[in-house]
């Protein structure tokens, strides 16, 4: 009996082994948050066979902000390759923001006030 694939999503990037190993070495809940953040927010980078691109990101985990940097390669005619990821400190993340080399969230910040008349504030 053959099973038919019901859903296919075209991946806009590929991953190197070091990138995958990072996710296997950290808390699975944090890994899921970072992966989801990248999936929802990572934009394509320009093709260039001579340089790699670095993008910084931040996710909330256990009431803390976790900062990370992703190395991206984009060769002409190929999909983007996520080649390396590592944790960084807030100063390095702020440097990446100043260089406009950070991953801009589609949901920047959704905060709710927990009361019966709650409102949603977007920054």
Protein backbone atom coordinates (compact mmCIF):
# COMPACT_ATOMS: atom_id res chain seq x y z
CA UNK A 1 0.00 0.00 0.00
CA UNK A 2 1.42 3.36 -1.03
CA UNK A 3 0.97 6.40 1.15
CA UNK A 4 0.48 9.72 -0.51
CA UNK A 5 2.23 12.74 0.92
CA UNK A 6 -0.44 15.18 2.06
CA UNK A 7 1.62 18.32 2.62
CA UNK A 8 4.86 19.57 1.19
CA UNK A 9 6.52 22.83 2.03
CA UNK A 10 9.41 24.07 -0.07
CA UNK A 11 12.36 24.84 2.18
CA UNK A 12 14.03 28.14 1.48
CA UNK A 13 17.31 27.02 3.03
CA UNK A 14 19.57 24.07 3.69
CA UNK A 15 21.49 23.30 6.90
CA UNK A 16 25.08 22.23 7.49
CA UNK A 17 25.85 19.48 10.03
CA UNK A 18 27.35 21.95 12.56
CA UNK A 19 24.11 23.92 12.46
CA UNK A 20 22.06 20.78 13.16
CA UNK A 21 24.45 19.64 15.90
CA UNK A 22 23.89 22.91 17.77
CA UNK A 23 20.18 22.10 18.12
CA UNK A 24 20.95 18.60 19.38
CA UNK A 25 23.25 20.03 22.08
CA UNK A 26 20.80 22.47 23.70
CA UNK A 27 17.51 22.31 25.61
CA UNK A 28 14.89 20.94 23.19
CA UNK A 29 12.36 23.64 24.14
CA UNK A 30 14.91 26.37 23.40
CA UNK A 31 15.88 24.62 20.16
CA UNK A 32 12.22 24.61 19.12
CA UNK A 33 11.83 28.33 19.87
CA UNK A 34 14.93 29.25 17.87
CA UNK A 35 13.95 27.02 14.94
CA UNK A 36 10.42 28.44 14.90
CA UNK A 37 11.79 32.01 15.08
CA UNK A 38 14.10 31.34 12.11
CA UNK A 39 11.35 29.65 10.14
CA UNK A 40 8.94 32.57 10.63
CA UNK A 41 11.34 35.50 10.36
CA UNK A 42 14.56 34.74 8.46
CA UNK A 43 14.73 36.72 5.22
CA UNK A 44 16.74 35.79 2.14
CA UNK A 45 20.23 37.23 1.85
CA UNK A 46 21.87 38.42 -1.39
CA UNK A 47 23.83 35.87 -3.42
CA UNK A 48 27.60 36.13 -3.14
CA UNK A 49 30.12 33.34 -3.53
CA UNK A 50 32.85 35.21 -1.63
CA UNK A 51 31.22 36.18 1.67
CA UNK A 52 28.96 34.78 4.34
CA UNK A 53 26.28 36.76 6.14
CA UNK A 54 25.81 36.95 9.91
CA UNK A 55 22.38 37.65 11.39
CA UNK A 56 21.56 38.04 15.07
CA UNK A 57 18.37 36.90 16.73
CA UNK A 58 16.71 36.81 20.12
CA UNK A 59 14.03 34.57 21.65
CA UNK A 60 12.38 34.45 25.07
CA UNK A 61 13.09 31.28 27.05
CA UNK A 62 12.25 30.72 30.72
CA UNK A 63 11.73 34.46 31.28
CA UNK A 64 15.13 35.29 29.79
CA UNK A 65 16.21 36.65 26.46
CA UNK A 66 18.52 34.28 24.60
CA UNK A 67 20.70 35.89 21.92
CA UNK A 68 22.20 33.97 19.02
CA UNK A 69 23.99 34.57 15.71
CA UNK A 70 23.49 32.60 12.50
CA UNK A 71 26.01 32.32 9.66
CA UNK A 72 24.37 32.16 6.23
CA UNK A 73 25.89 31.35 2.85
CA UNK A 74 24.07 32.08 -0.41
CA UNK A 75 25.77 30.94 -3.58
CA UNK A 76 24.28 32.05 -6.91
CA UNK A 77 21.82 29.44 -8.20
CA UNK A 78 21.52 27.62 -4.85
CA UNK A 79 19.28 27.92 -1.80
CA UNK A 80 20.58 29.66 1.32
CA UNK A 81 22.68 27.48 3.60
CA UNK A 82 22.59 27.96 7.36
CA UNK A 83 26.14 26.96 8.15
CA UNK A 84 26.70 27.85 11.80
CA UNK A 85 24.82 29.11 14.86
CA UNK A 86 26.05 30.08 18.31
CA UNK A 87 24.93 31.94 21.41
CA UNK A 88 26.12 35.53 21.74
CA UNK A 89 25.87 38.12 24.49
CA UNK A 90 23.66 41.20 24.45
CA UNK A 91 26.54 43.50 23.43
CA UNK A 92 27.24 41.45 20.31
CA UNK A 93 23.52 41.43 19.50
CA UNK A 94 23.37 45.23 19.86
CA UNK A 95 26.37 45.51 17.53
CA UNK A 96 24.48 43.45 14.95
CA UNK A 97 21.44 45.70 15.34
CA UNK A 98 23.65 48.77 14.75
CA UNK A 99 24.97 47.12 11.58
CA UNK A 100 21.39 46.24 10.53
CA UNK A 101 22.38 42.57 10.60
CA UNK A 102 19.66 41.18 12.82
CA UNK A 103 16.55 39.13 12.16
CA UNK A 104 13.53 41.36 12.39
CA UNK A 105 10.60 39.60 13.98
CA UNK A 106 7.25 39.64 12.21
CA UNK A 107 5.65 39.94 15.64
CA UNK A 108 8.31 42.24 17.18
CA UNK A 109 6.67 42.12 20.59
CA UNK A 110 3.19 41.04 21.55
CA UNK A 111 2.60 41.72 25.22
CA UNK A 112 -0.70 41.29 27.00
CA UNK A 113 -1.72 42.73 30.33
CA UNK A 114 -3.36 39.98 32.36
CA UNK A 115 -6.60 41.48 33.61
CA UNK A 116 -10.26 41.16 32.61
CA UNK A 117 -10.00 44.17 30.31
CA UNK A 118 -6.76 43.02 28.72
CA UNK A 119 -5.34 44.84 25.77
CA UNK A 120 -2.65 43.88 23.30
CA UNK A 121 0.22 46.28 22.75
CA UNK A 122 2.50 45.91 19.75
CA UNK A 123 5.87 47.64 19.64
